[in-house]
Amino acid sequence: MNLIKSILICAAVIAFFAAVSFGSLRAAEFKLTASSSHPPVVPWVKTIQDFVVPESTKRAKALGHTLKWTEAYAGALYNFKNTLEGIGDGLGDVGWVGTLWEPNKLPLQNVTFYIPFVTGNVELAADIENQLHKDIPAMRQAFLRNNQVYLGPQAIDDYALISKTPIKSVADLKGKKFYAPGASAAWLKGTGAIGVNGGLPVYYNGIKTGVAHGAIVPVTGIFPFKLHEAAPYIIEVGLGGGMTGALTMNKNTYDRLPPELQKMFHDIGKGYGKLVAKRVKGFHTATLKKLLPKAGAKVSTLPLAEQKKWAAGLPDLAGQWVKRMKAKGLPGEKVMKAYMAIVRKAGEKPLRDWDK
């Protein structure tokens, strides 16, 4: 009787592993598309190309799966205005979403555009972005409503002002048009300058043809797009950086993956955020100290007194934003206060205390 029982148990075990093996064979190969509106000359796209794609392929292989990637960058599938739809609609399976152009669909992700002059520490901003998505469900749900899953943060370095002419005071901004994407146009309120919506890929031609006098732009975006050739005056103004995007995956694609690959992509997302921040920080420094001066650009810093004047002259951007979020039933105040609290805990000194 024991012999028969043992045989039956062995048969059941063999059948189980055979079923698992057969299931793995059926789901062993996954065809995925990595995409972005921007070219891989910027760190947040380059890191998809040389980290996300090869690293996920390697890790998936170790888990017994095969990933076959198609890569489509530089607007091959969609432009900078449609990054959210590009991943949500499945044009790309994994890609960079520019949250800065989505103040309505991703309002909480745009919090840093309503608290300028806080910090230009990009590595800290990336950590905060990840923490907020972990701690505040509404942040993750915003992506889910757009049929995608948040994988990792993309933070940007300190925004600078690029101009055709020198800017030595806040008064020098009056009457001039500057590219200021999405919610960043609010940073010009009270200065007399006019914001023009746009993205890095269109700035060069726009400035050259007179659409704008210059732009508010992250320092890391200046050299790759040759913006210094159109606006040679680069002015550090203390605006700070923050959250401008994220690495996401199409929800339908995510749901088709086995649990071990889902977990793997979340781990990859964390690594992506840290590597992008590290690269952005390094490129920011190199751009200001080496690349731009060597290329003939004129780099300067707006006097601290003028920076404080600019910050103090802005309306209560954070308070107004919090009220709008509250009207939508969103925890804007919680997000904003959490961001400011972590910044101060890290030893940063904001030029304006938006939460007080």
Protein backbone atom coordinates (compact mmCIF):
# COMPACT_ATOMS: atom_id res chain seq x y z
CA MET A 1 0.00 0.00 0.00
CA ASN A 2 2.87 2.36 0.86
CA LEU A 3 4.60 1.50 -2.41
CA ILE A 4 1.47 2.37 -4.42
CA LYS A 5 1.05 5.61 -2.48
CA SER A 6 4.68 6.57 -3.14
CA ILE A 7 4.27 5.90 -6.84
CA LEU A 8 1.16 8.07 -6.98
CA ILE A 9 2.93 10.90 -5.15
CA CYS A 10 5.90 10.71 -7.51
CA ALA A 11 3.60 10.74 -10.49
CA ALA A 12 1.82 13.81 -9.15
CA VAL A 13 5.10 15.64 -8.58
CA ILE A 14 6.32 14.79 -12.09
CA ALA A 15 3.02 15.97 -13.55
CA PHE A 16 3.22 19.24 -11.61
CA PHE A 17 6.74 20.08 -12.80
CA ALA A 18 5.85 19.05 -16.32
CA ALA A 19 2.91 21.49 -16.24
CA VAL A 20 5.10 24.26 -14.85
CA SER A 21 7.75 23.61 -17.49
CA PHE A 22 5.14 23.62 -20.25
CA GLY A 23 3.69 26.89 -18.93
CA SER A 24 7.14 28.45 -18.82
CA LEU A 25 7.82 27.37 -22.38
CA ARG A 26 4.63 29.03 -23.54
CA ALA A 27 5.53 32.28 -21.78
CA ALA A 28 9.30 32.18 -22.26
CA GLU A 29 9.61 34.85 -24.96
CA PHE A 30 8.25 38.38 -24.75
CA LYS A 31 8.48 40.97 -27.50
CA LEU A 32 8.68 44.48 -26.08
CA THR A 33 9.12 47.98 -27.47
CA ALA A 34 11.14 50.63 -25.64
CA SER A 35 10.22 54.14 -26.73
CA SER A 36 10.59 57.86 -26.12
CA SER A 37 9.78 61.19 -27.72
CA HIS A 38 13.33 62.39 -27.01
CA PRO A 39 16.60 61.03 -28.46
CA PRO A 40 19.09 59.07 -26.32
CA VAL A 41 21.35 62.11 -26.06
CA VAL A 42 19.48 63.03 -22.87
CA PRO A 43 20.18 60.94 -19.75
CA TRP A 44 16.59 59.82 -19.14
CA VAL A 45 16.42 58.21 -22.58
CA LYS A 46 20.03 57.05 -22.81
CA THR A 47 19.44 55.12 -19.60
CA ILE A 48 16.55 53.24 -21.23
CA GLN A 49 18.81 52.36 -24.15
CA ASP A 50 21.94 51.28 -22.27
CA PHE A 51 20.50 50.13 -18.93
CA VAL A 52 16.81 49.22 -18.99
CA VAL A 53 16.94 47.22 -22.23
CA PRO A 54 20.19 45.24 -21.69
CA GLU A 55 19.78 44.84 -17.93
CA SER A 56 16.21 43.54 -18.20
CA THR A 57 17.28 41.17 -20.97
CA LYS A 58 20.07 39.79 -18.79
CA ARG A 59 17.93 39.44 -15.67
CA ALA A 60 15.04 37.89 -17.58
CA LYS A 61 17.39 35.27 -19.04
CA ALA A 62 18.55 34.38 -15.53
CA LEU A 63 14.86 33.83 -14.68
CA GLY A 64 14.38 31.52 -17.68
CA HIS A 65 12.72 34.04 -20.00
CA THR A 66 13.72 35.77 -23.23
CA LEU A 67 13.04 39.42 -23.98
CA LYS A 68 13.22 40.61 -27.57
CA TRP A 69 13.33 44.39 -27.76
CA THR A 70 12.44 46.86 -30.47
CA GLU A 71 13.77 50.34 -29.71
CA ALA A 72 12.09 53.49 -31.01
CA TYR A 73 13.42 56.79 -29.73
CA ALA A 74 13.55 60.42 -30.92
CA GLY A 75 9.84 60.64 -31.69
CA ALA A 76 9.75 57.58 -33.95
CA LEU A 77 6.35 56.58 -32.49
CA TYR A 78 5.01 59.78 -30.87
CA ASN A 79 6.13 63.33 -30.05
CA PHE A 80 6.78 65.01 -26.72
CA LYS A 81 3.13 66.01 -26.33
CA ASN A 82 1.97 62.39 -26.40
CA THR A 83 4.32 60.44 -24.16
CA LEU A 84 1.54 59.49 -21.75
CA GLU A 85 -0.75 58.33 -24.56
CA GLY A 86 2.15 56.61 -26.33
CA ILE A 87 2.68 54.17 -23.47
CA GLY A 88 -0.97 54.03 -22.41
CA ASP A 89 -2.14 53.16 -25.93
CA GLY A 90 0.56 50.55 -26.32
CA LEU A 91 2.66 52.20 -29.02
CA GLY A 92 5.51 51.56 -26.62
CA ASP A 93 5.56 48.90 -23.90
CA VAL A 94 8.17 50.58 -21.71
CA GLY A 95 9.17 54.21 -21.98
CA TRP A 96 9.75 57.62 -20.55
CA VAL A 97 6.64 59.66 -19.82
CA GLY A 98 7.08 63.42 -19.52
CA THR A 99 4.81 64.24 -16.60
CA LEU A 100 5.60 67.94 -16.98
CA TRP A 101 3.22 68.14 -19.97
CA GLU A 102 0.36 66.49 -18.06
CA PRO A 103 -0.80 68.93 -15.34
CA ASN A 104 -4.39 67.73 -15.83
CA LYS A 105 -3.96 63.98 -16.18
CA LEU A 106 -1.03 63.71 -13.75
CA PRO A 107 -1.57 66.71 -11.44
CA LEU A 108 0.14 65.32 -8.34
CA GLN A 109 3.26 64.46 -10.33
CA ASN A 110 3.54 68.15 -11.19
CA VAL A 111 3.91 69.33 -7.60
CA THR A 112 7.48 70.59 -8.04
CA PHE A 113 6.33 73.07 -10.69
CA TYR A 114 4.34 74.84 -7.98
CA ILE A 115 7.21 74.99 -5.48
CA PRO A 116 10.15 76.57 -7.36
CA PHE A 117 13.27 77.88 -5.64
CA VAL A 118 13.34 74.86 -3.31
CA THR A 119 16.25 72.59 -4.36
CA GLY A 120 18.34 71.69 -7.36
CA ASN A 121 19.52 68.41 -5.80
CA VAL A 122 18.47 65.94 -8.51
CA GLU A 123 19.38 62.79 -6.58
CA LEU A 124 17.27 63.94 -3.65
CA ALA A 125 14.38 64.80 -5.98
CA ALA A 126 14.49 61.31 -7.52
CA ASP A 127 14.42 59.68 -4.08
CA ILE A 128 11.47 61.87 -3.06
CA GLU A 129 9.58 61.02 -6.24
CA ASN A 130 10.00 57.32 -5.56
CA GLN A 131 8.98 57.75 -1.93
CA LEU A 132 5.84 59.69 -2.84
CA HIS A 133 4.74 57.02 -5.31
CA LYS A 134 5.33 54.39 -2.65
CA ASP A 135 3.53 56.19 0.18
CA ILE A 136 0.66 57.93 -1.63
CA PRO A 137 -1.67 55.60 -3.59
CA ALA A 138 -3.17 58.48 -5.59
CA MET A 139 0.21 58.97 -7.27
CA ARG A 140 0.29 55.39 -8.60
CA GLN A 141 -3.41 55.43 -9.45
CA ALA A 142 -2.92 58.42 -11.75
CA PHE A 143 -0.76 56.26 -13.99
CA LEU A 144 -3.13 53.30 -13.73
CA ARG A 145 -5.98 55.49 -14.95
CA ASN A 146 -3.88 56.05 -18.04
CA ASN A 147 -3.29 52.32 -18.52
CA GLN A 148 0.26 52.13 -17.29
CA VAL A 149 2.30 51.10 -14.29
CA TYR A 150 4.85 53.36 -12.60
CA LEU A 151 8.29 51.75 -12.52
CA GLY A 152 10.73 54.45 -11.51
CA PRO A 153 11.46 58.18 -11.10
CA GLN A 154 12.95 60.69 -13.48
CA ALA A 155 14.04 63.87 -11.80
CA ILE A 156 15.73 66.83 -13.41
CA ASP A 157 18.55 69.11 -12.38
CA ASP A 158 18.39 72.83 -11.69
CA TYR A 159 16.51 74.84 -14.30
CA ALA A 160 18.41 77.74 -15.80
CA LEU A 161 17.45 80.62 -18.02
CA ILE A 162 18.89 80.79 -21.53
CA SER A 163 18.62 84.07 -23.36
CA LYS A 164 19.69 85.91 -26.51
CA THR A 165 20.76 88.82 -24.32
CA PRO A 166 22.27 89.16 -20.81
CA ILE A 167 19.88 88.85 -17.85
CA LYS A 168 21.29 90.53 -14.74
CA SER A 169 18.10 91.27 -12.82
CA VAL A 170 14.45 90.29 -12.62
CA ALA A 171 13.62 93.57 -14.35
CA ASP A 172 15.51 92.36 -17.45
CA LEU A 173 12.82 89.68 -18.00
CA LYS A 174 10.01 92.14 -18.58
CA GLY A 175 8.34 91.93 -21.98
CA LYS A 176 10.39 88.98 -23.19
CA LYS A 177 9.01 85.60 -24.28
CA PHE A 178 10.56 82.45 -22.87
CA TYR A 179 9.77 78.82 -23.56
CA ALA A 180 8.41 77.41 -20.30
CA PRO A 181 6.76 73.98 -20.69
CA GLY A 182 3.49 73.15 -18.98
CA ALA A 183 3.16 74.38 -15.44
CA SER A 184 6.63 75.98 -15.42
CA ALA A 185 5.10 78.98 -17.19
CA ALA A 186 3.83 79.99 -13.73
CA TRP A 187 7.45 80.66 -12.69
CA LEU A 188 7.38 83.78 -14.84
CA LYS A 189 4.34 85.30 -13.12
CA GLY A 190 5.15 88.65 -11.59
CA THR A 191 8.29 89.09 -13.69
CA GLY A 192 6.62 90.68 -16.71
CA ALA A 193 7.91 87.89 -18.97
CA ILE A 194 5.62 85.75 -21.13
CA GLY A 195 5.67 81.95 -21.11
CA VAL A 196 5.50 79.95 -24.35
CA ASN A 197 4.68 76.23 -24.19
CA GLY A 198 7.06 73.79 -25.82
CA GLY A 199 9.61 71.02 -25.36
CA LEU A 200 13.38 70.66 -25.80
CA PRO A 201 13.15 69.35 -29.40
CA VAL A 202 11.52 72.60 -30.65
CA TYR A 203 13.43 75.22 -28.67
CA TYR A 204 16.36 75.73 -31.05
CA ASN A 205 14.28 76.59 -34.11
CA GLY A 206 11.77 78.53 -32.04
CA ILE A 207 14.43 80.79 -30.54
CA LYS A 208 16.22 81.16 -33.87
CA THR A 209 13.01 82.23 -35.62
CA GLY A 210 11.89 84.60 -32.88
CA VAL A 211 9.05 82.59 -31.38
CA ALA A 212 10.80 83.08 -28.04
CA HIS A 213 13.71 85.11 -26.70
CA GLY A 214 15.01 82.16 -24.72
CA ALA A 215 13.83 79.38 -22.44
CA ILE A 216 13.60 78.08 -18.91
CA VAL A 217 15.39 74.80 -19.33
CA PRO A 218 17.20 72.14 -17.28
CA VAL A 219 20.93 72.63 -17.70
CA THR A 220 21.34 69.05 -18.96
CA GLY A 221 19.12 69.83 -21.94
CA ILE A 222 21.13 72.80 -23.22
CA PHE A 223 24.18 71.20 -24.84
CA PRO A 224 22.59 68.10 -26.43
CA PHE A 225 20.09 70.29 -28.29
CA LYS A 226 22.67 73.01 -29.07
CA LEU A 227 20.46 75.62 -27.43
CA HIS A 228 23.50 77.73 -26.54
CA GLU A 229 23.91 78.43 -30.24
CA ALA A 230 20.47 80.05 -30.33
CA ALA A 231 20.61 81.67 -26.88
CA PRO A 232 24.25 82.01 -25.75
CA TYR A 233 23.58 83.58 -22.34
CA ILE A 234 23.15 80.88 -19.70
CA ILE A 235 21.99 82.22 -16.35
CA GLU A 236 21.73 80.14 -13.18
CA VAL A 237 18.72 81.56 -11.37
CA GLY A 238 18.09 79.11 -8.51
CA LEU A 239 14.73 77.82 -9.75
CA GLY A 240 15.57 74.30 -8.67
CA GLY A 241 14.69 71.02 -10.34
CA GLY A 242 12.30 68.26 -9.37
CA MET A 243 10.00 65.66 -10.86
CA THR A 244 9.52 65.90 -14.61
CA GLY A 245 8.93 62.34 -15.73
CA ALA A 246 8.84 58.65 -14.99
CA LEU A 247 9.65 55.27 -16.46
CA THR A 248 6.38 53.39 -16.98
CA MET A 249 5.06 50.20 -18.56
CA ASN A 250 1.84 49.69 -20.49
CA LYS A 251 -0.64 48.03 -18.10
CA ASN A 252 -1.77 45.40 -20.63
CA THR A 253 1.84 44.41 -21.21
CA TYR A 254 2.50 44.34 -17.48
CA ASP A 255 -0.47 42.07 -16.84
CA ARG A 256 0.79 39.57 -19.43
CA LEU A 257 4.12 39.17 -17.65
CA PRO A 258 4.67 36.50 -15.00
CA PRO A 259 5.09 37.80 -11.42
CA GLU A 260 8.85 37.35 -11.44
CA LEU A 261 9.22 39.64 -14.48
CA GLN A 262 6.83 42.19 -13.01
CA LYS A 263 9.00 42.34 -9.89
CA MET A 264 12.11 42.49 -12.02
CA PHE A 265 10.87 45.54 -13.93
CA HIS A 266 10.05 47.35 -10.68
CA ASP A 267 13.63 46.68 -9.54
CA ILE A 268 14.92 47.87 -12.90
CA GLY A 269 12.81 51.03 -12.48
CA LYS A 270 14.49 51.86 -9.18
CA GLY A 271 17.90 51.37 -10.75
CA TYR A 272 16.84 53.54 -13.69
CA GLY A 273 15.87 56.42 -11.39
CA LYS A 274 19.16 56.35 -9.48
CA LEU A 275 21.29 56.06 -12.61
CA VAL A 276 19.45 58.89 -14.39
CA ALA A 277 19.88 61.15 -11.35
CA LYS A 278 23.59 60.32 -11.11
CA ARG A 279 24.11 61.00 -14.81
CA VAL A 280 22.08 64.20 -14.74
CA LYS A 281 24.09 65.51 -11.79
CA GLY A 282 27.39 64.76 -13.50
CA PHE A 283 26.31 66.18 -16.83
CA HIS A 284 24.94 69.33 -15.15
CA THR A 285 28.34 70.08 -13.66
CA ALA A 286 30.24 69.25 -16.83
CA THR A 287 27.87 71.35 -18.93
CA LEU A 288 28.34 74.52 -16.87
CA LYS A 289 32.06 74.19 -16.19
CA LYS A 290 33.37 72.69 -19.42
CA LEU A 291 31.02 72.17 -22.34
CA LEU A 292 29.25 75.52 -22.52
CA PRO A 293 32.24 77.81 -21.85
CA LYS A 294 34.31 75.87 -24.38
CA ALA A 295 31.50 76.28 -26.94
CA GLY A 296 31.48 80.05 -26.46
CA ALA A 297 28.41 80.34 -24.23
CA LYS A 298 28.44 82.95 -21.47
CA VAL A 299 27.58 81.36 -18.13
CA SER A 300 26.60 83.55 -15.16
CA THR A 301 24.61 83.45 -11.94
CA LEU A 302 21.75 85.77 -11.08
CA PRO A 303 22.65 87.57 -7.83
CA LEU A 304 21.14 85.92 -4.75
CA ALA A 305 19.23 89.09 -3.91
CA GLU A 306 17.56 88.94 -7.34
CA GLN A 307 16.81 85.24 -6.91
CA LYS A 308 15.07 86.01 -3.62
CA LYS A 309 13.25 88.91 -5.24
CA TRP A 310 12.00 86.62 -8.02
CA ALA A 311 10.89 83.96 -5.50
CA ALA A 312 9.15 86.45 -3.22
CA GLY A 313 7.39 88.13 -6.14
CA LEU A 314 5.65 84.99 -7.29
CA PRO A 315 2.02 84.48 -6.26
CA ASP A 316 1.17 81.68 -3.82
CA LEU A 317 1.61 78.99 -6.47
CA ALA A 318 1.62 76.15 -3.96
CA GLY A 319 -1.47 77.35 -2.09
CA GLN A 320 -3.42 77.83 -5.30
CA TRP A 321 -2.38 74.38 -6.51
CA VAL A 322 -3.37 72.75 -3.21
CA LYS A 323 -6.84 74.30 -3.47
CA ARG A 324 -7.26 72.98 -7.01
CA MET A 325 -6.17 69.52 -5.90
CA LYS A 326 -8.59 69.59 -2.96
CA ALA A 327 -11.45 70.50 -5.31
CA LYS A 328 -10.58 67.39 -7.32
CA GLY A 329 -10.47 65.21 -4.22
CA LEU A 330 -6.69 64.77 -4.51
CA PRO A 331 -4.16 64.90 -1.64
CA GLY A 332 -2.18 67.82 -3.02
CA GLU A 333 -1.41 69.30 0.39
CA LYS A 334 -0.07 65.96 1.63
CA VAL A 335 2.17 65.62 -1.42
CA MET A 336 3.47 69.20 -1.22
CA LYS A 337 4.16 69.12 2.52
CA ALA A 338 5.86 65.73 2.28
CA TYR A 339 8.16 67.03 -0.45
CA MET A 340 9.10 70.16 1.51
CA ALA A 341 9.64 68.20 4.73
CA ILE A 342 12.01 65.71 3.09
CA VAL A 343 13.93 68.54 1.42
CA ARG A 344 14.53 70.29 4.76
CA LYS A 345 15.41 67.03 6.50
CA ALA A 346 18.09 66.52 3.86
CA GLY A 347 19.63 69.88 4.84
CA GLU A 348 18.49 71.91 1.83
CA LYS A 349 17.49 75.55 2.34
CA PRO A 350 14.57 76.64 0.12
CA LEU A 351 14.47 80.31 -0.92
CA ARG A 352 10.74 80.23 -0.26
CA ASP A 353 8.82 78.13 2.26
CA TRP A 354 5.77 77.21 0.23
CA ASP A 355 4.20 75.15 3.00
CA LYS A 356 4.24 77.93 5.59
